[in-house]
Amino acid sequence: MDALIEFYTAQPFWIWLALGVLLLAIEAAFSTEWLLWPAVAAGVVAVVTALGLPLGGFWGQTALFAGLTVLATLLSRRLIQRVNPSDAPDINARDSRLVGQRAQVVQAFVDGRGRVFVSGAEWPAEIDGAAPLAGESVVVESIDGPKLKVRAA
């Protein structure tokens, strides 16, 4: 332990850099999305200590690290909300992205049920009203489990 304390007092840059790299490695391995900003904050503290700016020793560096972590995390959340608003469909929610798209009827509707092709896949579909024939276009209105609700285009 004495060797670590002596190493820290001689070169605090390496301790902060190692902490940043460790946090970044854990983030890369597990994709937690929570350790990226502490890793960046540790890197900034490492650069500040390498430049020799007075921070008041270990406690000043720790306070800077904590403050930068909180600030970066809060700012990143605001940026993410601005870039990816919550009302936009999730890129991984394929089903919700189908609403509003045109689909082609591949199996004629009988008693309001048929099959349509949309977004590279064939789906069972239901329609109220006039039944379109195979080859005609319909528009996806909603998703009900594994079935699409469609309307005539």
N, C-alpha and C. Protein backbone atom coordinates (compact mmCIF):
# COMPACT_ATOMS: atom_id res chain seq x y z
N MET A 1 0.82 -1.20 0.00
CA MET A 1 0.00 0.00 0.00
C MET A 1 0.86 1.26 0.00
N ASP A 2 1.98 1.19 0.74
CA ASP A 2 2.88 2.34 0.78
C ASP A 2 3.45 2.64 -0.60
N ALA A 3 3.71 1.60 -1.37
CA ALA A 3 4.25 1.78 -2.72
C ALA A 3 3.23 2.49 -3.61
N LEU A 4 1.97 2.13 -3.47
CA LEU A 4 0.92 2.77 -4.26
C LEU A 4 0.78 4.25 -3.88
N ILE A 5 0.83 4.54 -2.59
CA ILE A 5 0.73 5.94 -2.14
C ILE A 5 1.94 6.73 -2.64
N GLU A 6 3.12 6.13 -2.58
CA GLU A 6 4.33 6.81 -3.06
C GLU A 6 4.24 7.05 -4.57
N PHE A 7 3.74 6.03 -5.29
CA PHE A 7 3.57 6.17 -6.74
C PHE A 7 2.57 7.27 -7.06
N TYR A 8 1.47 7.34 -6.30
CA TYR A 8 0.46 8.37 -6.52
C TYR A 8 1.04 9.76 -6.29
N THR A 9 1.77 9.94 -5.23
CA THR A 9 2.32 11.27 -4.93
C THR A 9 3.34 11.68 -5.99
N ALA A 10 4.05 10.72 -6.57
CA ALA A 10 5.04 11.04 -7.60
C ALA A 10 4.38 11.32 -8.95
N GLN A 11 3.40 10.51 -9.33
CA GLN A 11 2.76 10.63 -10.65
C GLN A 11 1.27 10.31 -10.55
N PRO A 12 0.44 11.23 -10.09
CA PRO A 12 -1.00 10.95 -10.00
C PRO A 12 -1.65 10.75 -11.37
N PHE A 13 -0.99 11.26 -12.42
CA PHE A 13 -1.50 11.10 -13.78
C PHE A 13 -1.79 9.64 -14.09
N TRP A 14 -0.86 8.75 -13.75
CA TRP A 14 -0.98 7.34 -14.11
C TRP A 14 -2.13 6.65 -13.38
N ILE A 15 -2.38 7.05 -12.16
CA ILE A 15 -3.49 6.45 -11.39
C ILE A 15 -4.81 6.82 -12.05
N TRP A 16 -4.98 8.11 -12.38
CA TRP A 16 -6.24 8.54 -13.01
C TRP A 16 -6.39 7.96 -14.41
N LEU A 17 -5.28 7.87 -15.14
CA LEU A 17 -5.33 7.28 -16.48
C LEU A 17 -5.71 5.79 -16.38
N ALA A 18 -5.13 5.09 -15.43
CA ALA A 18 -5.45 3.67 -15.25
C ALA A 18 -6.92 3.49 -14.87
N LEU A 19 -7.43 4.37 -14.00
CA LEU A 19 -8.84 4.29 -13.62
C LEU A 19 -9.74 4.53 -14.84
N GLY A 20 -9.39 5.51 -15.65
CA GLY A 20 -10.17 5.79 -16.85
C GLY A 20 -10.16 4.63 -17.83
N VAL A 21 -8.99 4.04 -18.04
CA VAL A 21 -8.88 2.90 -18.96
C VAL A 21 -9.65 1.70 -18.42
N LEU A 22 -9.56 1.46 -17.12
CA LEU A 22 -10.29 0.35 -16.50
C LEU A 22 -11.80 0.53 -16.66
N LEU A 23 -12.30 1.74 -16.37
CA LEU A 23 -13.73 2.01 -16.54
C LEU A 23 -14.16 1.87 -17.99
N LEU A 24 -13.34 2.34 -18.90
CA LEU A 24 -13.65 2.23 -20.33
C LEU A 24 -13.65 0.77 -20.78
N ALA A 25 -12.74 -0.03 -20.26
CA ALA A 25 -12.70 -1.45 -20.61
C ALA A 25 -13.94 -2.17 -20.09
N ILE A 26 -14.36 -1.85 -18.88
CA ILE A 26 -15.58 -2.46 -18.34
C ILE A 26 -16.78 -2.04 -19.17
N GLU A 27 -16.82 -0.77 -19.55
CA GLU A 27 -17.92 -0.27 -20.39
C GLU A 27 -17.95 -0.99 -21.73
N ALA A 28 -16.80 -1.17 -22.34
CA ALA A 28 -16.73 -1.86 -23.63
C ALA A 28 -17.13 -3.33 -23.50
N ALA A 29 -16.79 -3.94 -22.40
CA ALA A 29 -17.10 -5.36 -22.22
C ALA A 29 -18.57 -5.61 -21.92
N PHE A 30 -19.19 -4.72 -21.14
CA PHE A 30 -20.55 -4.99 -20.68
C PHE A 30 -21.60 -4.04 -21.23
N SER A 31 -21.22 -2.98 -21.92
CA SER A 31 -22.15 -2.00 -22.50
C SER A 31 -23.19 -1.53 -21.48
N THR A 32 -22.72 -1.06 -20.35
CA THR A 32 -23.63 -0.60 -19.30
C THR A 32 -24.21 0.76 -19.61
N GLU A 33 -23.54 1.55 -20.41
CA GLU A 33 -23.91 2.92 -20.75
C GLU A 33 -23.81 3.87 -19.55
N TRP A 34 -23.28 3.41 -18.44
CA TRP A 34 -23.13 4.26 -17.26
C TRP A 34 -21.67 4.55 -16.94
N LEU A 35 -20.76 3.78 -17.46
CA LEU A 35 -19.35 3.96 -17.11
C LEU A 35 -18.55 4.77 -18.11
N LEU A 36 -19.17 5.15 -19.22
CA LEU A 36 -18.45 5.93 -20.21
C LEU A 36 -18.06 7.29 -19.66
N TRP A 37 -18.98 7.97 -19.04
CA TRP A 37 -18.70 9.33 -18.57
C TRP A 37 -17.76 9.37 -17.38
N PRO A 38 -17.83 8.44 -16.42
CA PRO A 38 -16.78 8.42 -15.41
C PRO A 38 -15.40 8.13 -16.01
N ALA A 39 -15.34 7.31 -17.05
CA ALA A 39 -14.06 7.04 -17.72
C ALA A 39 -13.52 8.32 -18.35
N VAL A 40 -14.39 9.08 -19.00
CA VAL A 40 -13.98 10.35 -19.60
C VAL A 40 -13.52 11.32 -18.51
N ALA A 41 -14.27 11.38 -17.41
CA ALA A 41 -13.90 12.28 -16.31
C ALA A 41 -12.53 11.91 -15.73
N ALA A 42 -12.27 10.62 -15.58
CA ALA A 42 -10.96 10.19 -15.08
C ALA A 42 -9.87 10.59 -16.06
N GLY A 43 -10.14 10.49 -17.36
CA GLY A 43 -9.16 10.92 -18.35
C GLY A 43 -8.87 12.41 -18.28
N VAL A 44 -9.92 13.21 -18.06
CA VAL A 44 -9.73 14.66 -17.94
C VAL A 44 -8.91 14.98 -16.69
N VAL A 45 -9.22 14.31 -15.58
CA VAL A 45 -8.44 14.54 -14.36
C VAL A 45 -6.99 14.12 -14.59
N ALA A 46 -6.76 13.05 -15.33
CA ALA A 46 -5.38 12.63 -15.64
C ALA A 46 -4.65 13.71 -16.42
N VAL A 47 -5.30 14.30 -17.40
CA VAL A 47 -4.67 15.37 -18.20
C VAL A 47 -4.39 16.59 -17.34
N VAL A 48 -5.36 16.96 -16.50
CA VAL A 48 -5.18 18.14 -15.63
C VAL A 48 -4.01 17.91 -14.67
N THR A 49 -3.90 16.71 -14.10
CA THR A 49 -2.78 16.45 -13.19
C THR A 49 -1.45 16.39 -13.94
N ALA A 50 -1.48 15.90 -15.19
CA ALA A 50 -0.24 15.86 -15.98
C ALA A 50 0.24 17.26 -16.31
N LEU A 51 -0.70 18.19 -16.49
CA LEU A 51 -0.33 19.57 -16.76
C LEU A 51 0.18 20.29 -15.52
N GLY A 52 0.00 19.66 -14.37
CA GLY A 52 0.50 20.22 -13.12
C GLY A 52 -0.36 21.33 -12.54
N LEU A 53 -1.62 21.40 -12.96
CA LEU A 53 -2.51 22.42 -12.40
C LEU A 53 -2.83 22.08 -10.95
N PRO A 54 -2.82 23.08 -10.07
CA PRO A 54 -3.06 22.80 -8.66
C PRO A 54 -4.53 22.46 -8.40
N LEU A 55 -4.77 21.28 -7.85
CA LEU A 55 -6.13 20.85 -7.53
C LEU A 55 -6.31 20.59 -6.05
N GLY A 56 -5.28 20.72 -5.27
CA GLY A 56 -5.41 20.50 -3.83
C GLY A 56 -5.20 19.04 -3.46
N GLY A 57 -4.39 18.34 -4.20
CA GLY A 57 -4.07 16.97 -3.85
C GLY A 57 -5.16 15.98 -4.21
N PHE A 58 -5.13 14.86 -3.51
CA PHE A 58 -6.05 13.76 -3.81
C PHE A 58 -7.51 14.16 -3.70
N TRP A 59 -7.86 14.89 -2.64
CA TRP A 59 -9.27 15.25 -2.43
C TRP A 59 -9.75 16.25 -3.48
N GLY A 60 -8.91 17.14 -3.91
CA GLY A 60 -9.27 18.06 -4.98
C GLY A 60 -9.47 17.34 -6.31
N GLN A 61 -8.59 16.40 -6.59
CA GLN A 61 -8.72 15.60 -7.81
C GLN A 61 -9.99 14.73 -7.77
N THR A 62 -10.27 14.17 -6.60
CA THR A 62 -11.47 13.35 -6.45
C THR A 62 -12.73 14.20 -6.61
N ALA A 63 -12.71 15.40 -6.08
CA ALA A 63 -13.86 16.30 -6.23
C ALA A 63 -14.05 16.69 -7.70
N LEU A 64 -12.94 16.96 -8.40
CA LEU A 64 -13.04 17.27 -9.83
C LEU A 64 -13.58 16.08 -10.61
N PHE A 65 -13.10 14.90 -10.28
CA PHE A 65 -13.59 13.67 -10.94
C PHE A 65 -15.09 13.50 -10.70
N ALA A 66 -15.53 13.65 -9.47
CA ALA A 66 -16.95 13.48 -9.15
C ALA A 66 -17.79 14.54 -9.86
N GLY A 67 -17.34 15.78 -9.82
CA GLY A 67 -18.09 16.86 -10.47
C GLY A 67 -18.18 16.67 -11.98
N LEU A 68 -17.07 16.29 -12.60
CA LEU A 68 -17.08 16.05 -14.05
C LEU A 68 -17.96 14.86 -14.42
N THR A 69 -17.95 13.83 -13.58
CA THR A 69 -18.79 12.66 -13.84
C THR A 69 -20.25 13.04 -13.83
N VAL A 70 -20.67 13.76 -12.80
CA VAL A 70 -22.08 14.17 -12.69
C VAL A 70 -22.44 15.10 -13.85
N LEU A 71 -21.61 16.09 -14.12
CA LEU A 71 -21.89 17.05 -15.19
C LEU A 71 -21.96 16.36 -16.55
N ALA A 72 -21.01 15.51 -16.85
CA ALA A 72 -21.00 14.83 -18.15
C ALA A 72 -22.21 13.90 -18.29
N THR A 73 -22.58 13.21 -17.23
CA THR A 73 -23.73 12.31 -17.28
C THR A 73 -25.01 13.08 -17.52
N LEU A 74 -25.21 14.18 -16.80
CA LEU A 74 -26.42 14.98 -16.98
C LEU A 74 -26.49 15.61 -18.37
N LEU A 75 -25.37 16.15 -18.84
CA LEU A 75 -25.35 16.75 -20.17
C LEU A 75 -25.58 15.71 -21.26
N SER A 76 -25.02 14.52 -21.08
CA SER A 76 -25.22 13.48 -22.09
C SER A 76 -26.67 13.04 -22.15
N ARG A 77 -27.35 12.98 -21.01
CA ARG A 77 -28.76 12.60 -21.00
C ARG A 77 -29.60 13.63 -21.75
N ARG A 78 -29.29 14.91 -21.56
CA ARG A 78 -30.01 15.96 -22.29
C ARG A 78 -29.73 15.88 -23.78
N LEU A 79 -28.48 15.61 -24.14
CA LEU A 79 -28.12 15.48 -25.55
C LEU A 79 -28.83 14.30 -26.18
N ILE A 80 -28.87 13.18 -25.50
CA ILE A 80 -29.53 11.99 -26.03
C ILE A 80 -31.02 12.25 -26.22
N GLN A 81 -31.65 12.95 -25.28
CA GLN A 81 -33.07 13.26 -25.43
C GLN A 81 -33.32 14.19 -26.60
N ARG A 82 -32.40 15.11 -26.86
CA ARG A 82 -32.56 16.02 -27.99
C ARG A 82 -32.35 15.30 -29.31
N VAL A 83 -31.34 14.43 -29.37
CA VAL A 83 -31.02 13.72 -30.60
C VAL A 83 -32.01 12.60 -30.87
N ASN A 84 -32.47 11.92 -29.83
CA ASN A 84 -33.37 10.79 -29.97
C ASN A 84 -34.59 10.99 -29.07
N PRO A 85 -35.55 11.82 -29.51
CA PRO A 85 -36.71 12.07 -28.66
C PRO A 85 -37.49 10.79 -28.40
N SER A 86 -38.14 10.74 -27.24
CA SER A 86 -38.82 9.52 -26.82
C SER A 86 -40.04 9.21 -27.68
N ASP A 87 -40.60 10.21 -28.40
CA ASP A 87 -41.77 9.93 -29.23
C ASP A 87 -41.39 9.26 -30.55
N ALA A 88 -40.10 9.26 -30.88
CA ALA A 88 -39.66 8.57 -32.10
C ALA A 88 -39.58 7.08 -31.81
N PRO A 89 -39.95 6.25 -32.79
CA PRO A 89 -39.88 4.82 -32.55
C PRO A 89 -38.45 4.36 -32.31
N ASP A 90 -38.31 3.42 -31.43
CA ASP A 90 -37.01 2.86 -31.12
C ASP A 90 -36.50 2.11 -32.34
N ILE A 91 -35.23 2.29 -32.65
CA ILE A 91 -34.67 1.64 -33.83
C ILE A 91 -34.73 0.12 -33.71
N ASN A 92 -34.74 -0.39 -32.50
CA ASN A 92 -34.80 -1.83 -32.30
C ASN A 92 -36.23 -2.36 -32.25
N ALA A 93 -37.23 -1.49 -32.21
CA ALA A 93 -38.63 -1.91 -32.17
C ALA A 93 -39.15 -1.94 -33.60
N ARG A 94 -38.82 -3.00 -34.30
CA ARG A 94 -39.15 -3.11 -35.72
C ARG A 94 -40.65 -3.00 -35.95
N ASP A 95 -41.43 -3.62 -35.08
CA ASP A 95 -42.88 -3.65 -35.27
C ASP A 95 -43.48 -2.25 -35.27
N SER A 96 -43.07 -1.41 -34.33
CA SER A 96 -43.66 -0.07 -34.25
C SER A 96 -43.26 0.80 -35.44
N ARG A 97 -42.15 0.49 -36.09
CA ARG A 97 -41.75 1.25 -37.27
C ARG A 97 -42.59 0.91 -38.49
N LEU A 98 -43.35 -0.18 -38.42
CA LEU A 98 -44.17 -0.58 -39.57
C LEU A 98 -45.41 0.29 -39.75
N VAL A 99 -45.88 0.91 -38.67
CA VAL A 99 -47.10 1.70 -38.73
C VAL A 99 -46.91 2.85 -39.72
N GLY A 100 -47.85 2.96 -40.66
CA GLY A 100 -47.79 4.01 -41.66
C GLY A 100 -47.13 3.58 -42.96
N GLN A 101 -46.48 2.44 -42.97
CA GLN A 101 -45.80 1.99 -44.19
C GLN A 101 -46.78 1.29 -45.13
N ARG A 102 -46.45 1.36 -46.42
CA ARG A 102 -47.25 0.65 -47.42
C ARG A 102 -46.82 -0.80 -47.44
N ALA A 103 -47.79 -1.67 -47.61
CA ALA A 103 -47.54 -3.10 -47.70
C ALA A 103 -48.22 -3.63 -48.95
N GLN A 104 -47.71 -4.70 -49.49
CA GLN A 104 -48.30 -5.31 -50.67
C GLN A 104 -49.01 -6.60 -50.25
N VAL A 105 -50.23 -6.77 -50.72
CA VAL A 105 -51.01 -7.95 -50.40
C VAL A 105 -50.42 -9.13 -51.18
N VAL A 106 -50.05 -10.20 -50.45
CA VAL A 106 -49.49 -11.39 -51.11
C VAL A 106 -50.49 -12.54 -51.12
N GLN A 107 -51.45 -12.49 -50.22
CA GLN A 107 -52.52 -13.49 -50.19
C GLN A 107 -53.83 -12.72 -50.03
N ALA A 108 -54.74 -12.93 -50.96
CA ALA A 108 -55.99 -12.17 -50.96
C ALA A 108 -56.72 -12.32 -49.62
N PHE A 109 -57.39 -11.24 -49.23
CA PHE A 109 -58.13 -11.23 -47.97
C PHE A 109 -59.43 -12.00 -48.12
N VAL A 110 -59.67 -12.89 -47.17
CA VAL A 110 -60.91 -13.65 -47.11
C VAL A 110 -61.44 -13.48 -45.69
N ASP A 111 -62.68 -13.01 -45.59
CA ASP A 111 -63.29 -12.73 -44.29
C ASP A 111 -62.43 -11.78 -43.46
N GLY A 112 -61.83 -10.81 -44.13
CA GLY A 112 -61.05 -9.78 -43.44
C GLY A 112 -59.65 -10.19 -43.06
N ARG A 113 -59.22 -11.39 -43.47
CA ARG A 113 -57.87 -11.86 -43.12
C ARG A 113 -57.10 -12.25 -44.37
N GLY A 114 -55.81 -11.89 -44.35
CA GLY A 114 -54.94 -12.20 -45.47
C GLY A 114 -53.49 -12.06 -45.05
N ARG A 115 -52.60 -11.97 -46.04
CA ARG A 115 -51.18 -11.80 -45.74
C ARG A 115 -50.63 -10.67 -46.58
N VAL A 116 -49.71 -9.91 -45.95
CA VAL A 116 -49.09 -8.78 -46.64
C VAL A 116 -47.58 -8.87 -46.49
N PHE A 117 -46.89 -8.21 -47.42
CA PHE A 117 -45.43 -8.15 -47.40
C PHE A 117 -45.02 -6.71 -47.14
N VAL A 118 -44.27 -6.50 -46.05
CA VAL A 118 -43.80 -5.16 -45.70
C VAL A 118 -42.46 -5.29 -44.97
N SER A 119 -41.57 -4.37 -45.25
CA SER A 119 -40.27 -4.30 -44.57
C SER A 119 -39.50 -5.62 -44.63
N GLY A 120 -39.57 -6.28 -45.78
CA GLY A 120 -38.78 -7.48 -45.98
C GLY A 120 -39.34 -8.74 -45.37
N ALA A 121 -40.59 -8.70 -44.89
CA ALA A 121 -41.17 -9.90 -44.28
C ALA A 121 -42.66 -9.99 -44.60
N GLU A 122 -43.16 -11.19 -44.53
CA GLU A 122 -44.57 -11.44 -44.76
C GLU A 122 -45.27 -11.53 -43.41
N TRP A 123 -46.43 -10.85 -43.32
CA TRP A 123 -47.17 -10.77 -42.06
C TRP A 123 -48.62 -11.18 -42.26
N PRO A 124 -49.22 -11.82 -41.26
CA PRO A 124 -50.67 -12.00 -41.30
C PRO A 124 -51.32 -10.64 -41.05
N ALA A 125 -52.42 -10.39 -41.72
CA ALA A 125 -53.04 -9.06 -41.62
C ALA A 125 -54.56 -9.19 -41.56
N GLU A 126 -55.17 -8.17 -40.97
CA GLU A 126 -56.63 -8.05 -40.92
C GLU A 126 -57.02 -6.70 -41.49
N ILE A 127 -58.21 -6.68 -42.11
CA ILE A 127 -58.71 -5.43 -42.68
C ILE A 127 -60.20 -5.36 -42.43
N ASP A 128 -60.68 -4.14 -42.18
CA ASP A 128 -62.12 -3.89 -42.08
C ASP A 128 -62.57 -3.27 -43.39
N GLY A 129 -63.65 -3.75 -43.92
CA GLY A 129 -64.17 -3.18 -45.15
C GLY A 129 -63.79 -4.01 -46.35
N ALA A 130 -63.67 -3.34 -47.51
CA ALA A 130 -63.41 -4.01 -48.78
C ALA A 130 -62.08 -4.74 -48.75
N ALA A 131 -62.09 -5.96 -49.25
CA ALA A 131 -60.89 -6.79 -49.24
C ALA A 131 -60.08 -6.56 -50.51
N PRO A 132 -58.84 -6.10 -50.38
CA PRO A 132 -57.99 -5.92 -51.56
C PRO A 132 -57.54 -7.25 -52.13
N LEU A 133 -57.22 -7.26 -53.39
CA LEU A 133 -56.74 -8.46 -54.06
C LEU A 133 -55.23 -8.56 -53.94
N ALA A 134 -54.70 -9.74 -54.25
CA ALA A 134 -53.25 -9.94 -54.22
C ALA A 134 -52.58 -8.97 -55.19
N GLY A 135 -51.48 -8.38 -54.75
CA GLY A 135 -50.75 -7.43 -55.57
C GLY A 135 -51.11 -5.98 -55.29
N GLU A 136 -52.24 -5.73 -54.63
CA GLU A 136 -52.64 -4.35 -54.32
C GLU A 136 -51.90 -3.86 -53.08
N SER A 137 -51.91 -2.56 -52.90
CA SER A 137 -51.23 -1.95 -51.75
C SER A 137 -52.21 -1.64 -50.64
N VAL A 138 -51.72 -1.77 -49.43
CA VAL A 138 -52.46 -1.38 -48.23
C VAL A 138 -51.51 -0.60 -47.33
N VAL A 139 -52.05 0.07 -46.32
CA VAL A 139 -51.24 0.83 -45.38
C VAL A 139 -51.41 0.22 -43.99
N VAL A 140 -50.32 0.03 -43.28
CA VAL A 140 -50.35 -0.54 -41.94
C VAL A 140 -50.86 0.53 -40.98
N GLU A 141 -51.95 0.22 -40.26
CA GLU A 141 -52.54 1.15 -39.29
C GLU A 141 -52.05 0.88 -37.88
N SER A 142 -51.96 -0.40 -37.51
CA SER A 142 -51.52 -0.74 -36.16
C SER A 142 -51.05 -2.19 -36.14
N ILE A 143 -50.53 -2.58 -34.99
CA ILE A 143 -50.04 -3.93 -34.80
C ILE A 143 -50.80 -4.53 -33.63
N ASP A 144 -51.32 -5.72 -33.84
CA ASP A 144 -52.06 -6.43 -32.79
C ASP A 144 -51.40 -7.79 -32.61
N GLY A 145 -50.42 -7.84 -31.72
CA GLY A 145 -49.67 -9.08 -31.52
C GLY A 145 -48.89 -9.41 -32.77
N PRO A 146 -49.10 -10.62 -33.32
CA PRO A 146 -48.37 -11.00 -34.53
C PRO A 146 -49.06 -10.56 -35.82
N LYS A 147 -50.19 -9.90 -35.69
CA LYS A 147 -50.97 -9.49 -36.88
C LYS A 147 -50.90 -7.98 -37.08
N LEU A 148 -50.98 -7.60 -38.35
CA LEU A 148 -51.05 -6.18 -38.69
C LEU A 148 -52.49 -5.82 -38.99
N LYS A 149 -52.91 -4.66 -38.55
CA LYS A 149 -54.20 -4.10 -38.96
C LYS A 149 -53.90 -3.16 -40.10
N VAL A 150 -54.56 -3.36 -41.24
CA VAL A 150 -54.27 -2.57 -42.42
C VAL A 150 -55.55 -1.93 -42.94
N ARG A 151 -55.35 -0.94 -43.82
CA ARG A 151 -56.48 -0.29 -44.51
C ARG A 151 -56.10 -0.17 -45.97
N ALA A 152 -57.10 -0.02 -46.81
CA ALA A 152 -56.85 0.13 -48.24
C ALA A 152 -56.04 1.41 -48.48
N ALA A 153 -55.13 1.35 -49.44
CA ALA A 153 -54.28 2.51 -49.72
C ALA A 153 -54.99 3.54 -50.55
